[in-house]
Protein backbone atom coordinates (compact mmCIF):
# COMPACT_ATOMS: atom_id res chain seq x y z
CA MET A 1 109.61 -21.26 25.13
CA LYS A 2 106.85 -22.15 27.62
CA LYS A 3 106.97 -18.62 29.06
CA LYS A 4 106.45 -17.17 25.57
CA VAL A 5 103.42 -19.40 25.00
CA VAL A 6 101.88 -18.39 28.34
CA VAL A 7 102.45 -14.69 27.60
CA PHE A 8 100.89 -15.12 24.15
CA ILE A 9 97.77 -16.80 25.56
CA VAL A 10 97.35 -14.09 28.20
CA LEU A 11 97.81 -11.34 25.60
CA PHE A 12 95.32 -13.01 23.28
CA GLY A 13 92.75 -13.12 26.09
CA ILE A 14 93.27 -9.44 26.86
CA ILE A 15 93.01 -8.40 23.24
CA THR A 16 89.86 -10.41 22.61
CA SER A 17 88.14 -8.96 25.66
CA LEU A 18 89.10 -5.43 24.60
CA ALA A 19 88.22 -5.87 20.92
CA HIS A 20 85.43 -3.78 19.44
CA ALA A 21 82.33 -5.64 18.31
CA PHE A 22 82.30 -5.40 14.54
CA GLN A 23 79.29 -3.83 12.84
CA LEU A 24 77.88 -3.19 9.39
CA LYS A 25 76.12 0.14 8.96
CA GLY A 26 75.14 0.77 5.37
CA ASN A 27 78.39 1.19 3.45
CA ILE A 28 80.41 1.58 6.65
CA ILE A 29 82.14 -1.39 8.25
CA ILE A 30 83.32 -1.02 11.83
CA ASP A 31 85.82 -3.79 12.45
CA ASP A 32 87.09 -5.40 15.65
CA GLY A 33 89.91 -2.87 15.78
CA GLY A 34 87.49 0.06 15.75
CA ARG A 35 88.33 1.05 12.16
CA HIS A 36 85.59 2.70 10.12
CA ILE A 37 85.91 1.46 6.54
CA ARG A 38 83.74 3.02 3.87
CA VAL A 39 83.20 0.40 1.16
CA GLY A 40 82.93 2.10 -2.20
CA ARG A 41 84.54 -0.57 -4.35
CA VAL A 42 85.11 -4.31 -4.60
CA PHE A 43 88.37 -5.59 -3.18
CA ASN A 44 89.87 -8.20 -5.50
CA ARG A 45 93.50 -8.59 -4.41
CA ILE A 46 93.12 -10.02 -0.95
CA ILE A 47 95.51 -11.60 1.52
CA SER A 48 93.68 -13.60 4.19
CA LEU A 49 95.63 -14.28 7.38
CA TYR A 50 92.88 -16.31 9.07
CA PRO A 51 91.51 -19.62 7.69
CA ALA A 52 87.87 -18.72 8.43
CA HIS A 53 88.18 -15.61 6.25
CA THR A 54 89.67 -17.73 3.48
CA GLU A 55 86.94 -20.36 3.63
CA ASN A 56 84.15 -17.79 3.62
CA ILE A 57 85.59 -15.80 0.73
CA VAL A 58 85.89 -18.99 -1.32
CA ALA A 59 82.34 -20.00 -0.34
CA MET A 60 81.06 -16.66 -1.65
CA GLY A 61 82.78 -17.11 -4.99
CA GLY A 62 85.84 -14.99 -4.32
CA ALA A 63 88.60 -17.61 -4.64
CA ASN A 64 90.14 -15.72 -7.57
CA TYR A 65 90.37 -12.59 -5.42
CA LEU A 66 92.78 -14.28 -3.03
CA VAL A 67 96.40 -13.46 -3.82
CA GLY A 68 97.58 -14.93 -0.54
CA ILE A 69 96.45 -17.14 2.32
CA SER A 70 97.76 -17.95 5.79
CA ARG A 71 100.16 -20.71 6.75
CA SER A 72 97.31 -22.29 8.73
CA ASP A 73 94.89 -22.66 5.82
CA THR A 74 93.82 -26.24 5.12
CA TYR A 75 90.54 -25.90 3.20
CA PRO A 76 89.30 -26.06 0.51
CA PRO A 77 92.01 -28.15 -1.18
CA PHE A 78 91.95 -26.36 -4.53
CA ILE A 79 93.19 -23.05 -3.09
CA LEU A 80 96.06 -24.48 -1.05
CA ASN A 81 98.58 -23.72 -3.78
CA LYS A 82 98.07 -19.99 -3.19
CA LYS A 83 101.05 -18.00 -1.92
CA ARG A 84 101.36 -18.34 1.88
CA PHE A 85 101.77 -15.39 4.23
CA SER A 86 102.44 -14.93 7.93
CA TYR A 87 102.19 -11.99 10.31
CA HIS A 88 105.84 -12.74 11.08
CA PHE A 89 106.80 -11.47 7.62
CA GLY A 90 108.05 -7.99 6.96
CA PRO A 91 105.83 -5.61 4.95
CA GLU A 92 107.88 -6.08 1.78
CA ARG A 93 106.62 -9.65 1.34
CA PHE A 94 103.04 -8.36 1.39
CA LEU A 95 103.70 -5.39 -0.87
CA ALA A 96 105.26 -7.69 -3.50
CA VAL A 97 101.82 -9.06 -4.47
CA ASN A 98 100.15 -5.63 -4.51
CA PRO A 99 97.17 -6.41 -2.22
CA ASP A 100 94.27 -3.99 -1.84
CA LEU A 101 92.87 -5.71 1.27
CA ILE A 102 94.44 -7.69 4.09
CA LEU A 103 92.05 -9.60 6.35
CA ILE A 104 93.24 -10.29 9.88
CA ARG A 105 91.78 -11.03 13.30
CA PRO A 106 92.18 -9.19 16.64
CA MET A 107 95.15 -11.24 17.83
CA ILE A 108 97.20 -10.10 14.81
CA ASP A 109 95.95 -6.53 15.12
CA PHE A 110 97.21 -6.29 18.69
CA ALA A 111 100.32 -8.47 18.80
CA TYR A 112 101.68 -7.27 15.42
CA HIS A 113 100.43 -3.71 15.51
CA SER A 114 103.58 -2.21 13.98
CA LEU A 115 103.26 -4.45 10.91
CA VAL A 116 99.59 -3.55 10.55
CA LYS A 117 100.29 0.19 10.79
CA LYS A 118 103.11 -0.13 8.25
CA LEU A 119 100.83 -1.89 5.77
CA GLU A 120 98.15 0.76 6.26
CA SER A 121 100.76 3.46 5.59
CA TYR A 122 100.99 2.05 2.05
CA ASN A 123 97.23 2.66 1.59
CA ILE A 124 96.37 -1.01 1.96
CA THR A 125 93.00 -1.53 3.64
CA VAL A 126 93.27 -3.77 6.70
CA VAL A 127 90.13 -5.25 8.26
CA SER A 128 90.15 -7.15 11.57
CA LEU A 129 87.27 -9.56 12.19
CA GLN A 130 86.55 -12.59 14.31
CA ALA A 131 83.09 -14.03 14.89
CA THR A 132 83.27 -15.64 18.32
CA ASN A 133 79.60 -16.48 18.81
CA VAL A 134 76.59 -17.31 16.69
CA ARG A 135 75.03 -13.86 17.21
CA SER A 136 77.84 -12.29 15.22
CA LEU A 137 78.03 -14.98 12.54
CA TYR A 138 75.62 -13.51 9.99
CA THR A 139 77.00 -9.98 10.34
CA TYR A 140 80.48 -11.41 9.79
CA TRP A 141 79.38 -13.13 6.58
CA ARG A 142 77.60 -10.01 5.38
CA ILE A 143 80.70 -7.88 5.96
CA LEU A 144 82.85 -10.26 3.93
CA GLY A 145 80.20 -10.29 1.21
CA ARG A 146 80.18 -6.49 1.14
CA LEU A 147 83.98 -6.31 0.90
CA ILE A 148 84.14 -8.56 -2.16
CA GLY A 149 80.90 -7.51 -3.83
CA LYS A 150 79.18 -10.83 -3.12
CA GLU A 151 76.31 -9.69 -0.94
CA LYS A 152 73.82 -12.00 -2.66
CA LYS A 153 76.06 -15.00 -2.07
CA ALA A 154 76.39 -14.08 1.62
CA GLU A 155 72.60 -13.96 1.91
CA GLU A 156 72.37 -17.30 0.14
CA MET A 157 74.75 -18.79 2.71
CA ILE A 158 72.66 -17.39 5.52
CA SER A 159 69.49 -18.78 3.93
CA ASP A 160 70.98 -22.26 3.50
CA PHE A 161 72.35 -22.20 7.04
CA ASN A 162 68.95 -21.22 8.43
CA ARG A 163 67.23 -23.92 6.37
CA PHE A 164 69.31 -26.62 8.00
CA LEU A 165 68.95 -25.05 11.43
CA SER A 166 65.20 -25.52 10.98
CA ILE A 167 65.79 -29.19 10.19
CA PHE A 168 68.00 -29.59 13.26
CA HIS A 169 65.38 -27.87 15.43
CA SER A 170 62.72 -30.26 14.10
CA ILE A 171 64.92 -33.20 15.06
CA ASP A 172 65.53 -31.68 18.47
CA LYS A 173 61.80 -31.70 19.22
CA LYS A 174 61.71 -35.47 18.68
CA ILE A 175 64.52 -36.29 21.08
CA ARG A 176 63.62 -37.69 24.46
CA ASN A 177 66.14 -38.27 27.25
CA LYS A 178 68.74 -35.90 25.88
CA LYS A 179 72.36 -36.80 26.49
CA ARG A 180 74.56 -34.74 28.76
CA VAL A 181 77.93 -33.88 27.28
CA TYR A 182 81.24 -32.55 28.46
CA PHE A 183 82.79 -30.77 25.45
CA GLU A 184 86.52 -30.40 25.89
CA SER A 185 88.58 -27.73 24.10
CA MET A 186 92.09 -28.39 25.47
CA HIS A 187 92.79 -31.69 27.20
CA LYS A 188 96.17 -30.97 28.78
CA LYS A 189 94.85 -27.77 30.35
CA LEU A 190 91.44 -29.31 31.14
CA LYS A 191 89.55 -26.51 29.41
CA THR A 192 86.07 -26.49 27.95
CA PHE A 193 84.19 -23.86 25.91
CA SER A 194 82.45 -20.76 27.17
CA PRO A 195 78.64 -21.17 27.15
CA ASN A 196 78.13 -18.51 24.44
CA SER A 197 80.78 -19.90 22.09
CA ILE A 198 80.13 -21.20 18.60
CA SER A 199 81.21 -24.70 19.70
CA ILE A 200 78.54 -24.86 22.41
CA PHE A 201 76.00 -23.54 19.90
CA VAL A 202 76.95 -26.51 17.70
CA LEU A 203 76.53 -28.92 20.64
CA ASN A 204 73.19 -27.46 21.71
CA THR A 205 71.83 -27.41 18.16
CA ALA A 206 72.72 -31.09 17.82
CA GLY A 207 70.59 -31.80 20.90
CA GLY A 208 73.36 -32.18 23.45
CA ILE A 209 73.13 -30.76 26.97
CA ASN A 210 76.27 -28.95 28.04
CA VAL A 211 77.19 -30.07 31.58
CA ALA A 212 79.66 -27.17 31.94
CA LYS A 213 77.05 -24.42 31.81
CA ASP A 214 78.79 -22.69 34.68
CA ALA A 215 82.06 -22.32 32.75
CA VAL A 216 83.34 -18.76 32.58
CA SER A 217 85.00 -17.38 29.46
CA ASP A 218 88.77 -17.04 29.76
CA ARG A 219 89.33 -13.29 29.24
CA GLY A 220 86.58 -12.97 26.66
CA THR A 221 87.70 -15.90 24.49
CA ASN A 222 85.74 -18.98 23.39
CA ILE A 223 87.76 -21.06 25.84
CA ALA A 224 86.96 -21.57 29.54
CA ASP A 225 89.00 -23.03 32.39
CA TYR A 226 87.23 -25.87 34.13
CA GLY A 227 89.72 -28.11 35.91
CA LYS A 228 89.65 -31.74 36.95
CA GLU A 229 87.79 -31.22 40.21
CA ARG A 230 84.85 -29.56 38.47
CA ILE A 231 84.83 -32.14 35.69
CA LEU A 232 84.75 -34.96 38.23
CA SER A 233 81.95 -33.24 40.13
CA HIS A 234 79.83 -34.11 37.06
CA ALA A 235 81.17 -37.68 36.85
CA ASN A 236 77.72 -39.28 37.08
CA ASP A 237 76.14 -36.74 34.74
CA ILE A 238 78.45 -37.01 31.73
CA ASP A 239 76.81 -39.42 29.29
CA VAL A 240 79.20 -38.54 26.47
CA PHE A 241 82.67 -37.01 26.50
CA ILE A 242 83.63 -35.11 23.33
CA SER A 243 86.93 -33.40 22.62
CA GLN A 244 87.84 -31.30 19.62
CA TYR A 245 91.04 -32.11 17.75
CA GLY A 246 93.10 -29.31 16.29
CA MET A 247 96.28 -27.29 16.39
CA MET A 248 95.96 -26.47 20.10
CA ASN A 249 94.60 -29.87 21.13
CA ARG A 250 96.41 -32.86 19.62
CA VAL A 251 94.41 -35.28 21.74
CA HIS A 252 93.48 -38.92 21.18
CA ILE A 253 90.76 -41.05 22.74
CA LYS A 254 93.32 -43.07 24.70
CA ASP A 255 94.60 -39.86 26.33
CA ILE A 256 91.13 -39.18 27.69
CA LEU A 257 90.44 -42.77 28.73
CA ASN A 258 93.78 -42.94 30.56
CA GLU A 259 93.55 -39.56 32.29
CA PRO A 260 94.06 -40.16 36.05
CA GLY A 261 90.78 -39.75 37.92
CA PHE A 262 88.62 -39.89 34.80
CA GLU A 263 87.83 -43.56 35.39
CA ILE A 264 84.90 -42.54 37.62
CA ILE A 265 83.22 -40.57 34.81
CA LYS A 266 80.17 -42.31 33.43
CA ALA A 267 81.16 -41.70 29.78
CA ILE A 268 84.66 -43.07 30.40
CA LYS A 269 83.30 -46.23 32.05
CA HIS A 270 81.17 -46.93 28.98
CA HIS A 271 83.80 -45.74 26.46
CA ASN A 272 81.47 -43.05 25.16
CA VAL A 273 84.39 -40.83 24.18
CA TYR A 274 84.67 -39.11 20.79
CA ILE A 275 86.97 -36.75 18.92
CA VAL A 276 85.64 -34.13 16.49
CA ASP A 277 87.44 -31.84 14.07
CA GLU A 278 87.73 -28.28 15.38
CA HIS A 279 87.48 -26.92 11.82
CA ILE A 280 83.80 -27.89 11.65
CA THR A 281 82.85 -27.19 15.26
CA SER A 282 84.65 -23.91 16.00
CA ARG A 283 85.43 -22.17 12.72
CA PRO A 284 82.67 -19.67 11.74
CA THR A 285 81.88 -21.02 8.27
CA ILE A 286 78.94 -22.81 6.68
CA ARG A 287 80.78 -26.06 7.43
CA LEU A 288 79.44 -25.74 10.97
CA LEU A 289 76.50 -27.67 9.51
CA LEU A 290 78.83 -30.67 9.25
CA GLY A 291 79.87 -30.19 12.87
CA ILE A 292 76.26 -30.14 14.05
CA TYR A 293 75.53 -33.27 12.05
CA GLU A 294 78.62 -35.09 13.33
CA ILE A 295 77.84 -34.42 16.98
CA GLY A 296 74.17 -35.16 16.37
CA HIS A 297 75.10 -38.49 14.78
CA ILE A 298 77.32 -39.34 17.76
CA LEU A 299 74.53 -38.60 20.22
CA TYR A 300 71.42 -39.67 18.30
CA PRO A 301 72.27 -41.82 15.24
CA GLN A 302 68.61 -42.83 14.97
CA TYR A 303 67.75 -39.24 14.02
CA TYR A 304 70.92 -38.03 12.33
CA LYS A 305 70.97 -40.41 9.39
CA LYS A 306 73.08 -40.68 6.25
CA ASP A 307 70.47 -39.07 4.00
CA LEU A 308 70.73 -35.86 6.05
CA LYS A 309 74.52 -35.99 5.79
CA ALA A 310 74.18 -36.35 2.01
CA GLU A 311 72.01 -33.21 1.87
CA ILE A 312 74.55 -31.25 3.88
CA ASP A 313 77.43 -32.52 1.74
CA LYS A 314 75.57 -31.36 -1.35
CA VAL A 315 75.19 -27.84 0.02
CA ILE A 316 78.82 -27.68 1.16
CA ALA A 317 79.93 -28.84 -2.30
CA LYS A 318 77.94 -26.02 -3.83
CA TYR A 319 80.05 -23.48 -1.95
CA TYR A 320 83.42 -25.17 -2.20
CA SER A 321 83.55 -26.53 -5.74
CA LYS A 322 85.93 -25.00 -8.24
C-alpha cells in the first residue's frame, strides 16, 4: 500500500509540472490538459470531481447545475446531498445522470486518462483546471463563470476579493515587528509550501514572514520538501509555527510540540503553535479571505478584530446561502 501511495505522489508531481497553464481567450478556454473548448452555450448538468470547482460553482449561483459532486466535497452543507462520484467509477455511472460537463483537475486527467477519453467519446465536455497560485486565481474563476453563464457573478467575486485584499494591505502597513512563521503542509514528511503557492500568499497577505523562502516546489506542486535539519536551522527565527490540517495532514498541536528536536525552536518553547483548516488556506475559493483573517488573527489579534471577521462572514454568506 505504501508503494502505491509513493508512486501516486510522484505521478502527481510529474503531471502537475507537465500540465498546460489554463487560459481564457474570448470564447475559447484552454484547459490544463491542453484542450481548446469553444464555449457557445451554458453548461447546466455538471459533475464536479474537485471540491474547489464545486465551491466556486455554488458561489456563482450554479448550485442547481450540479448533478454530481466528488466524494471529497464538504462545503457548502446544503449541496452535500448531491449524488457522489469518483474517478474510480466506470463511465456508465457518469452517463446515467446525463452530464454535459465534467470538471476535473490534472491529476485525474493523467492518472485516469482512459476514463476521461471514454467520457469524451460520448460527447461529454471535460475540462481540467487547477489554480495553484494566486496569479491564476482570477482566470480560473472567470473560466468557471464562462462555462456556466455566470460571468457577472465571477467578476463580483473578484471585486469582493480585491476589496478585502485592500483592507488586508492597509492593515499590513500598520504592522511593526512582523512575525516570522514556518507554515507546515505535511508534518510526517516535514514539508512546507512552495513560495509561490496560494497558502504562502495567504500567509504573506496576513502579514506573516515566511521563513522557508528557500523552499523549492516538489515537481511543480504547491508542496515543498524542507526536512528537519533545515527547519531547525531557523530555530531562533520561527516566532510562530502553523500547520494546516486536512486529508493529507491529520496533525495535532501535541504532535508538533512533541516532535524530537523541535524543542529548540523558539515557537515551540513558547507554545506558539497553531493549526488551520486547509480548506480556507489552500483551496482556491473566495473563502481564502477567511484563511487570511484566521492567520492574521493568530499573528496580530490587535489588528485582525472580530468586526472584520463579521464583514468577511457576511460576504461569504452572500455566496454560499441557498
